[in-house]
Amino acid sequence: MAGTCLTASRVPHGDNHGLWIDPRDTRRMIAANDGGVTVTLDGGKNWTREDNQPTAQFYHVITDNAVPYRVYGAQQDSGTVAIAQPQR
């Protein structure tokens, strides 16, 4: 919108990489960072936590030879995880 200004907002994580602003409701935003993403529905006054959704930036991923196999990953700024393939 012409003539609209942005207002600074603190985001829970310090190393941010991207910001999506909903064009239909600019109070709704998603900030992408090393720990995953955080979401605000009120223009940045409150943000979700990063650990309530399965998103993160991985910088190294490996698998093992187990059956079912497991995937191991080192997350940027958020520790490591091991994820087992679901049994069918």
PDB file of N, CA and C in Angstrom:
ATOM      1  N   MET A   1       0.844  -1.153   0.000  1.00  0.00           N
ATOM      2  CA  MET A   1       0.000   0.000   0.000  1.00  0.00           C
ATOM      3  C   MET A   1       0.906   1.239   0.000  1.00  0.00           C
ATOM      4  N   ALA A   2       0.683   2.163  -0.855  1.00  0.00           N
ATOM      5  CA  ALA A   2       1.500   3.367  -0.957  1.00  0.00           C
ATOM      6  C   ALA A   2       1.419   4.186   0.321  1.00  0.00           C
ATOM      7  N   GLY A   3       2.577   4.677   0.776  1.00  0.00           N
ATOM      8  CA  GLY A   3       2.622   5.522   1.950  1.00  0.00           C
ATOM      9  C   GLY A   3       2.632   4.773   3.271  1.00  0.00           C
ATOM     10  N   THR A   4       2.644   3.432   3.233  1.00  0.00           N
ATOM     11  CA  THR A   4       2.662   2.637   4.455  1.00  0.00           C
ATOM     12  C   THR A   4       4.081   2.483   4.959  1.00  0.00           C
ATOM     13  N   CYS A   5       4.272   2.578   6.263  1.00  0.00           N
ATOM     14  CA  CYS A   5       5.594   2.429   6.881  1.00  0.00           C
ATOM     15  C   CYS A   5       5.677   1.109   7.620  1.00  0.00           C
ATOM     16  N   LEU A   6       6.875   0.566   7.694  1.00  0.00           N
ATOM     17  CA  LEU A   6       7.115  -0.626   8.489  1.00  0.00           C
ATOM     18  C   LEU A   6       7.534  -0.211   9.885  1.00  0.00           C
ATOM     19  N   THR A   7       7.174  -1.018  10.860  1.00  0.00           N
ATOM     20  CA  THR A   7       7.544  -0.780  12.245  1.00  0.00           C
ATOM     21  C   THR A   7       8.444  -1.918  12.700  1.00  0.00           C
ATOM     22  N   ALA A   8       9.531  -1.607  13.394  1.00  0.00           N
ATOM     23  CA  ALA A   8      10.447  -2.625  13.892  1.00  0.00           C
ATOM     24  C   ALA A   8       9.731  -3.528  14.890  1.00  0.00           C
ATOM     25  N   SER A   9      10.069  -4.811  14.854  1.00  0.00           N
ATOM     26  CA  SER A   9       9.473  -5.791  15.756  1.00  0.00           C
ATOM     27  C   SER A   9      10.548  -6.780  16.186  1.00  0.00           C
ATOM     28  N   ARG A  10      10.588  -7.124  17.460  1.00  0.00           N
ATOM     29  CA  ARG A  10      11.527  -8.132  17.949  1.00  0.00           C
ATOM     30  C   ARG A  10      10.975  -9.512  17.614  1.00  0.00           C
ATOM     31  N   VAL A  11      11.842 -10.334  17.035  1.00  0.00           N
ATOM     32  CA  VAL A  11      11.501 -11.709  16.695  1.00  0.00           C
ATOM     33  C   VAL A  11      12.248 -12.611  17.671  1.00  0.00           C
ATOM     34  N   PRO A  12      11.650 -13.748  18.114  1.00  0.00           N
ATOM     35  CA  PRO A  12      12.286 -14.573  19.146  1.00  0.00           C
ATOM     36  C   PRO A  12      13.710 -15.048  18.838  1.00  0.00           C
ATOM     37  N   HIS A  13      14.041 -15.302  17.606  1.00  0.00           N
ATOM     38  CA  HIS A  13      15.378 -15.795  17.251  1.00  0.00           C
ATOM     39  C   HIS A  13      16.187 -14.665  16.640  1.00  0.00           C
ATOM     40  N   GLY A  14      17.482 -14.651  16.876  1.00  0.00           N
ATOM     41  CA  GLY A  14      18.302 -13.536  16.420  1.00  0.00           C
ATOM     42  C   GLY A  14      18.849 -13.632  15.015  1.00  0.00           C
ATOM     43  N   ASP A  15      18.908 -14.827  14.426  1.00  0.00           N
ATOM     44  CA  ASP A  15      19.538 -14.996  13.114  1.00  0.00           C
ATOM     45  C   ASP A  15      18.460 -15.243  12.063  1.00  0.00           C
ATOM     46  N   ASN A  16      17.796 -14.192  11.628  1.00  0.00           N
ATOM     47  CA  ASN A  16      16.665 -14.309  10.706  1.00  0.00           C
ATOM     48  C   ASN A  16      17.120 -14.266   9.254  1.00  0.00           C
ATOM     49  N   HIS A  17      16.410 -15.039   8.415  1.00  0.00           N
ATOM     50  CA  HIS A  17      16.765 -15.148   7.004  1.00  0.00           C
ATOM     51  C   HIS A  17      15.672 -14.665   6.060  1.00  0.00           C
ATOM     52  N   GLY A  18      14.445 -14.688   6.503  1.00  0.00           N
ATOM     53  CA  GLY A  18      13.364 -14.294   5.612  1.00  0.00           C
ATOM     54  C   GLY A  18      12.126 -13.886   6.393  1.00  0.00           C
ATOM     55  N   LEU A  19      11.295 -13.103   5.758  1.00  0.00           N
ATOM     56  CA  LEU A  19      10.040 -12.665   6.375  1.00  0.00           C
ATOM     57  C   LEU A  19       8.952 -12.673   5.321  1.00  0.00           C
ATOM     58  N   TRP A  20       7.868 -13.395   5.583  1.00  0.00           N
ATOM     59  CA  TRP A  20       6.697 -13.391   4.711  1.00  0.00           C
ATOM     60  C   TRP A  20       5.624 -12.571   5.398  1.00  0.00           C
ATOM     61  N   ILE A  21       5.060 -11.634   4.665  1.00  0.00           N
ATOM     62  CA  ILE A  21       3.967 -10.802   5.167  1.00  0.00           C
ATOM     63  C   ILE A  21       2.737 -11.092   4.325  1.00  0.00           C
ATOM     64  N   ASP A  22       1.668 -11.472   4.962  1.00  0.00           N
ATOM     65  CA  ASP A  22       0.423 -11.793   4.268  1.00  0.00           C
ATOM     66  C   ASP A  22      -0.096 -10.534   3.573  1.00  0.00           C
ATOM     67  N   PRO A  23      -0.240 -10.545   2.249  1.00  0.00           N
ATOM     68  CA  PRO A  23      -0.702  -9.343   1.551  1.00  0.00           C
ATOM     69  C   PRO A  23      -2.152  -8.972   1.874  1.00  0.00           C
ATOM     70  N   ARG A  24      -2.944  -9.931   2.370  1.00  0.00           N
ATOM     71  CA  ARG A  24      -4.342  -9.637   2.699  1.00  0.00           C
ATOM     72  C   ARG A  24      -4.515  -9.191   4.148  1.00  0.00           C
ATOM     73  N   ASP A  25      -3.559  -9.554   5.006  1.00  0.00           N
ATOM     74  CA  ASP A  25      -3.620  -9.170   6.423  1.00  0.00           C
ATOM     75  C   ASP A  25      -2.181  -9.011   6.900  1.00  0.00           C
ATOM     76  N   THR A  26      -1.668  -7.798   6.852  1.00  0.00           N
ATOM     77  CA  THR A  26      -0.254  -7.559   7.145  1.00  0.00           C
ATOM     78  C   THR A  26       0.102  -7.783   8.615  1.00  0.00           C
ATOM     79  N   ARG A  27      -0.881  -8.042   9.461  1.00  0.00           N
ATOM     80  CA  ARG A  27      -0.580  -8.413  10.850  1.00  0.00           C
ATOM     81  C   ARG A  27      -0.094  -9.852  10.931  1.00  0.00           C
ATOM     82  N   ARG A  28      -0.353 -10.647   9.893  1.00  0.00           N
ATOM     83  CA  ARG A  28       0.051 -12.056   9.872  1.00  0.00           C
ATOM     84  C   ARG A  28       1.379 -12.169   9.131  1.00  0.00           C
ATOM     85  N   MET A  29       2.419 -12.636   9.860  1.00  0.00           N
ATOM     86  CA  MET A  29       3.761 -12.755   9.280  1.00  0.00           C
ATOM     87  C   MET A  29       4.414 -14.050   9.736  1.00  0.00           C
ATOM     88  N   ILE A  30       5.346 -14.541   8.917  1.00  0.00           N
ATOM     89  CA  ILE A  30       6.151 -15.712   9.255  1.00  0.00           C
ATOM     90  C   ILE A  30       7.609 -15.320   9.078  1.00  0.00           C
ATOM     91  N   ALA A  31       8.393 -15.460  10.151  1.00  0.00           N
ATOM     92  CA  ALA A  31       9.824 -15.155  10.113  1.00  0.00           C
ATOM     93  C   ALA A  31      10.603 -16.462  10.078  1.00  0.00           C
ATOM     94  N   ALA A  32      11.479 -16.632   9.084  1.00  0.00           N
ATOM     95  CA  ALA A  32      12.322 -17.821   8.955  1.00  0.00           C
ATOM     96  C   ALA A  32      13.687 -17.525   9.547  1.00  0.00           C
ATOM     97  N   ASN A  33      14.204 -18.490  10.336  1.00  0.00           N
ATOM     98  CA  ASN A  33      15.494 -18.295  10.990  1.00  0.00           C
ATOM     99  C   ASN A  33      16.201 -19.634  11.157  1.00  0.00           C
ATOM    100  N   ASP A  34      17.381 -19.635  11.742  1.00  0.00           N
ATOM    101  CA  ASP A  34      18.146 -20.867  11.923  1.00  0.00           C
ATOM    102  C   ASP A  34      17.394 -21.919  12.725  1.00  0.00           C
ATOM    103  N   GLY A  35      16.545 -21.502  13.648  1.00  0.00           N
ATOM    104  CA  GLY A  35      15.828 -22.439  14.494  1.00  0.00           C
ATOM    105  C   GLY A  35      14.541 -22.960  13.887  1.00  0.00           C
ATOM    106  N   GLY A  36      14.127 -22.459  12.764  1.00  0.00           N
ATOM    107  CA  GLY A  36      12.881 -22.861  12.117  1.00  0.00           C
ATOM    108  C   GLY A  36      12.102 -21.642  11.687  1.00  0.00           C
ATOM    109  N   VAL A  37      10.862 -21.544  12.144  1.00  0.00           N
ATOM    110  CA  VAL A  37      10.048 -20.370  11.841  1.00  0.00           C
ATOM    111  C   VAL A  37       9.256 -19.970  13.076  1.00  0.00           C
ATOM    112  N   THR A  38       8.885 -18.703  13.125  1.00  0.00           N
ATOM    113  CA  THR A  38       7.970 -18.193  14.140  1.00  0.00           C
ATOM    114  C   THR A  38       6.863 -17.447  13.414  1.00  0.00           C
ATOM    115  N   VAL A  39       5.677 -17.462  13.995  1.00  0.00           N
ATOM    116  CA  VAL A  39       4.496 -16.886  13.351  1.00  0.00           C
ATOM    117  C   VAL A  39       3.879 -15.845  14.276  1.00  0.00           C
ATOM    118  N   THR A  40       3.439 -14.738  13.703  1.00  0.00           N
ATOM    119  CA  THR A  40       2.672 -13.738  14.453  1.00  0.00           C
ATOM    120  C   THR A  40       1.357 -13.495  13.728  1.00  0.00           C
ATOM    121  N   LEU A  41       0.325 -13.295  14.506  1.00  0.00           N
ATOM    122  CA  LEU A  41      -0.995 -12.964  13.961  1.00  0.00           C
ATOM    123  C   LEU A  41      -1.419 -11.556  14.355  1.00  0.00           C
ATOM    124  N   ASP A  42      -0.541 -10.875  15.133  1.00  0.00           N
ATOM    125  CA  ASP A  42      -0.903  -9.554  15.637  1.00  0.00           C
ATOM    126  C   ASP A  42       0.147  -8.493  15.315  1.00  0.00           C
ATOM    127  N   GLY A  43       0.760  -8.601  14.167  1.00  0.00           N
ATOM    128  CA  GLY A  43       1.706  -7.581  13.724  1.00  0.00           C
ATOM    129  C   GLY A  43       3.041  -7.576  14.458  1.00  0.00           C
ATOM    130  N   GLY A  44       3.404  -8.694  15.092  1.00  0.00           N
ATOM    131  CA  GLY A  44       4.698  -8.786  15.758  1.00  0.00           C
ATOM    132  C   GLY A  44       4.670  -8.539  17.251  1.00  0.00           C
ATOM    133  N   LYS A  45       3.503  -8.333  17.825  1.00  0.00           N
ATOM    134  CA  LYS A  45       3.431  -8.149  19.274  1.00  0.00           C
ATOM    135  C   LYS A  45       3.719  -9.461  19.996  1.00  0.00           C
ATOM    136  N   ASN A  46       3.237 -10.570  19.439  1.00  0.00           N
ATOM    137  CA  ASN A  46       3.453 -11.905  19.997  1.00  0.00           C
ATOM    138  C   ASN A  46       3.870 -12.845  18.872  1.00  0.00           C
ATOM    139  N   TRP A  47       4.813 -13.734  19.157  1.00  0.00           N
ATOM    140  CA  TRP A  47       5.302 -14.710  18.179  1.00  0.00           C
ATOM    141  C   TRP A  47       5.183 -16.112  18.764  1.00  0.00           C
ATOM    142  N   THR A  48       4.952 -17.107  17.904  1.00  0.00           N
ATOM    143  CA  THR A  48       4.942 -18.495  18.359  1.00  0.00           C
ATOM    144  C   THR A  48       6.356 -18.911  18.723  1.00  0.00           C
ATOM    145  N   ARG A  49       6.465 -20.009  19.445  1.00  0.00           N
ATOM    146  CA  ARG A  49       7.769 -20.583  19.755  1.00  0.00           C
ATOM    147  C   ARG A  49       8.255 -21.384  18.553  1.00  0.00           C
ATOM    148  N   GLU A  50       9.555 -21.597  18.466  1.00  0.00           N
ATOM    149  CA  GLU A  50      10.110 -22.362  17.352  1.00  0.00           C
ATOM    150  C   GLU A  50       9.968 -23.863  17.536  1.00  0.00           C
ATOM    151  N   ASP A  51       9.826 -24.322  18.783  1.00  0.00           N
ATOM    152  CA  ASP A  51       9.805 -25.761  19.031  1.00  0.00           C
ATOM    153  C   ASP A  51       8.401 -26.366  19.012  1.00  0.00           C
ATOM    154  N   ASN A  52       7.409 -25.642  18.516  1.00  0.00           N
ATOM    155  CA  ASN A  52       6.053 -26.192  18.448  1.00  0.00           C
ATOM    156  C   ASN A  52       5.682 -26.638  17.035  1.00  0.00           C
ATOM    157  N   GLN A  53       6.655 -26.713  16.146  1.00  0.00           N
ATOM    158  CA  GLN A  53       6.402 -27.128  14.768  1.00  0.00           C
ATOM    159  C   GLN A  53       7.665 -27.778  14.215  1.00  0.00           C
ATOM    160  N   PRO A  54       7.510 -28.757  13.338  1.00  0.00           N
ATOM    161  CA  PRO A  54       8.677 -29.507  12.847  1.00  0.00           C
ATOM    162  C   PRO A  54       9.412 -28.776  11.714  1.00  0.00           C
ATOM    163  N   THR A  55      10.006 -27.641  12.011  1.00  0.00           N
ATOM    164  CA  THR A  55      10.800 -26.909  11.029  1.00  0.00           C
ATOM    165  C   THR A  55      12.134 -26.552  11.640  1.00  0.00           C
ATOM    166  N   ALA A  56      13.180 -26.569  10.830  1.00  0.00           N
ATOM    167  CA  ALA A  56      14.515 -26.194  11.295  1.00  0.00           C
ATOM    168  C   ALA A  56      15.435 -26.113  10.087  1.00  0.00           C
ATOM    169  N   GLN A  57      16.572 -25.494  10.282  1.00  0.00           N
ATOM    170  CA  GLN A  57      17.593 -25.455   9.242  1.00  0.00           C
ATOM    171  C   GLN A  57      18.640 -26.508   9.594  1.00  0.00           C
ATOM    172  N   PHE A  58      18.812 -27.493   8.718  1.00  0.00           N
ATOM    173  CA  PHE A  58      19.809 -28.536   8.931  1.00  0.00           C
ATOM    174  C   PHE A  58      21.060 -28.207   8.137  1.00  0.00           C
ATOM    175  N   TYR A  59      22.210 -28.401   8.753  1.00  0.00           N
ATOM    176  CA  TYR A  59      23.446 -28.179   8.012  1.00  0.00           C
ATOM    177  C   TYR A  59      24.195 -29.466   7.764  1.00  0.00           C
ATOM    178  N   HIS A  60      23.742 -30.585   8.316  1.00  0.00           N
ATOM    179  CA  HIS A  60      24.349 -31.884   8.028  1.00  0.00           C
ATOM    180  C   HIS A  60      23.302 -32.959   8.299  1.00  0.00           C
ATOM    181  N   VAL A  61      23.114 -33.875   7.352  1.00  0.00           N
ATOM    182  CA  VAL A  61      22.139 -34.950   7.506  1.00  0.00           C
ATOM    183  C   VAL A  61      22.777 -36.258   7.048  1.00  0.00           C
ATOM    184  N   ILE A  62      22.579 -37.335   7.833  1.00  0.00           N
ATOM    185  CA  ILE A  62      23.047 -38.664   7.451  1.00  0.00           C
ATOM    186  C   ILE A  62      21.951 -39.676   7.764  1.00  0.00           C
ATOM    187  N   THR A  63      22.085 -40.882   7.210  1.00  0.00           N
ATOM    188  CA  THR A  63      21.175 -41.988   7.517  1.00  0.00           C
ATOM    189  C   THR A  63      22.003 -43.172   8.004  1.00  0.00           C
ATOM    190  N   ASP A  64      21.333 -44.155   8.616  1.00  0.00           N
ATOM    191  CA  ASP A  64      22.016 -45.378   9.004  1.00  0.00           C
ATOM    192  C   ASP A  64      21.482 -46.530   8.167  1.00  0.00           C
ATOM    193  N   ASN A  65      21.930 -47.746   8.460  1.00  0.00           N
ATOM    194  CA  ASN A  65      21.514 -48.927   7.695  1.00  0.00           C
ATOM    195  C   ASN A  65      20.485 -49.768   8.434  1.00  0.00           C
ATOM    196  N   ALA A  66      19.917 -49.248   9.474  1.00  0.00           N
ATOM    197  CA  ALA A  66      18.913 -49.984  10.241  1.00  0.00           C
ATOM    198  C   ALA A  66      17.645 -50.160   9.412  1.00  0.00           C
ATOM    199  N   VAL A  67      16.837 -51.151   9.823  1.00  0.00           N
ATOM    200  CA  VAL A  67      15.535 -51.358   9.200  1.00  0.00           C
ATOM    201  C   VAL A  67      14.505 -51.286  10.317  1.00  0.00           C
ATOM    202  N   PRO A  68      13.642 -50.279  10.363  1.00  0.00           N
ATOM    203  CA  PRO A  68      13.584 -49.159   9.430  1.00  0.00           C
ATOM    204  C   PRO A  68      14.754 -48.196   9.663  1.00  0.00           C
ATOM    205  N   TYR A  69      15.142 -47.498   8.622  1.00  0.00           N
ATOM    206  CA  TYR A  69      16.287 -46.590   8.722  1.00  0.00           C
ATOM    207  C   TYR A  69      15.958 -45.368   9.560  1.00  0.00           C
ATOM    208  N   ARG A  70      17.002 -44.728  10.031  1.00  0.00           N
ATOM    209  CA  ARG A  70      16.859 -43.485  10.791  1.00  0.00           C
ATOM    210  C   ARG A  70      17.645 -42.386  10.081  1.00  0.00           C
ATOM    211  N   VAL A  71      17.144 -41.168  10.217  1.00  0.00           N
ATOM    212  CA  VAL A  71      17.820 -39.987   9.676  1.00  0.00           C
ATOM    213  C   VAL A  71      18.309 -39.179  10.865  1.00  0.00           C
ATOM    214  N   TYR A  72      19.581 -38.766  10.818  1.00  0.00           N
ATOM    215  CA  TYR A  72      20.172 -37.963  11.874  1.00  0.00           C
ATOM    216  C   TYR A  72      20.525 -36.602  11.284  1.00  0.00           C
ATOM    217  N   GLY A  73      20.288 -35.558  12.045  1.00  0.00           N
ATOM    218  CA  GLY A  73      20.593 -34.234  11.526  1.00  0.00           C
ATOM    219  C   GLY A  73      21.064 -33.285  12.603  1.00  0.00           C
ATOM    220  N   ALA A  74      22.001 -32.441  12.213  1.00  0.00           N
ATOM    221  CA  ALA A  74      22.470 -31.367  13.073  1.00  0.00           C
ATOM    222  C   ALA A  74      21.755 -30.091  12.644  1.00  0.00           C
ATOM    223  N   GLN A  75      21.019 -29.515  13.578  1.00  0.00           N
ATOM    224  CA  GLN A  75      20.251 -28.313  13.283  1.00  0.00           C
ATOM    225  C   GLN A  75      21.049 -27.069  13.643  1.00  0.00           C
ATOM    226  N   GLN A  76      20.960 -26.090  12.810  1.00  0.00           N
ATOM    227  CA  GLN A  76      21.626 -24.820  13.081  1.00  0.00           C
ATOM    228  C   GLN A  76      21.041 -24.206  14.347  1.00  0.00           C
ATOM    229  N   ASP A  77      21.852 -24.006  15.361  1.00  0.00           N
ATOM    230  CA  ASP A  77      21.469 -23.359  16.621  1.00  0.00           C
ATOM    231  C   ASP A  77      20.410 -24.101  17.428  1.00  0.00           C
ATOM    232  N   SER A  78      20.078 -25.335  17.089  1.00  0.00           N
ATOM    233  CA  SER A  78      18.989 -26.016  17.804  1.00  0.00           C
ATOM    234  C   SER A  78      19.302 -27.456  18.170  1.00  0.00           C
ATOM    235  N   GLY A  79      20.561 -27.855  18.228  1.00  0.00           N
ATOM    236  CA  GLY A  79      20.907 -29.212  18.630  1.00  0.00           C
ATOM    237  C   GLY A  79      20.791 -30.220  17.507  1.00  0.00           C
ATOM    238  N   THR A  80      20.694 -31.501  17.871  1.00  0.00           N
ATOM    239  CA  THR A  80      20.625 -32.585  16.894  1.00  0.00           C
ATOM    240  C   THR A  80      19.344 -33.379  17.096  1.00  0.00           C
ATOM    241  N   VAL A  81      18.932 -34.100  16.052  1.00  0.00           N
ATOM    242  CA  VAL A  81      17.745 -34.946  16.128  1.00  0.00           C
ATOM    243  C   VAL A  81      17.989 -36.257  15.399  1.00  0.00           C
ATOM    244  N   ALA A  82      17.260 -37.289  15.789  1.00  0.00           N
ATOM    245  CA  ALA A  82      17.223 -38.575  15.093  1.00  0.00           C
ATOM    246  C   ALA A  82      15.764 -38.883  14.811  1.00  0.00           C
ATOM    247  N   ILE A  83      15.462 -39.195  13.558  1.00  0.00           N
ATOM    248  CA  ILE A  83      14.077 -39.439  13.150  1.00  0.00           C
ATOM    249  C   ILE A  83      13.996 -40.815  12.521  1.00  0.00           C
ATOM    250  N   ALA A  84      13.124 -41.670  13.057  1.00  0.00           N
ATOM    251  CA  ALA A  84      12.953 -43.018  12.521  1.00  0.00           C
ATOM    252  C   ALA A  84      11.910 -43.015  11.416  1.00  0.00           C
ATOM    253  N   GLN A  85      12.159 -43.841  10.390  1.00  0.00           N
ATOM    254  CA  GLN A  85      11.171 -43.994   9.324  1.00  0.00           C
ATOM    255  C   GLN A  85       9.955 -44.685   9.905  1.00  0.00           C
ATOM    256  N   PRO A  86       8.758 -44.214   9.612  1.00  0.00           N
ATOM    257  CA  PRO A  86       7.566 -44.879  10.147  1.00  0.00           C
ATOM    258  C   PRO A  86       7.424 -46.306   9.608  1.00  0.00           C
ATOM    259  N   GLN A  87       6.977 -47.235  10.445  1.00  0.00           N
ATOM    260  CA  GLN A  87       6.709 -48.610  10.019  1.00  0.00           C
ATOM    261  C   GLN A  87       5.422 -48.624   9.210  1.00  0.00           C
ATOM    262  N   ARG A  88       5.382 -49.420   8.201  1.00  0.00           N
ATOM    263  CA  ARG A  88       4.165 -49.535   7.367  1.00  0.00           C
ATOM    264  C   ARG A  88       3.456 -50.817   7.610  1.00  0.00           C
TER     265      ARG A  88
END
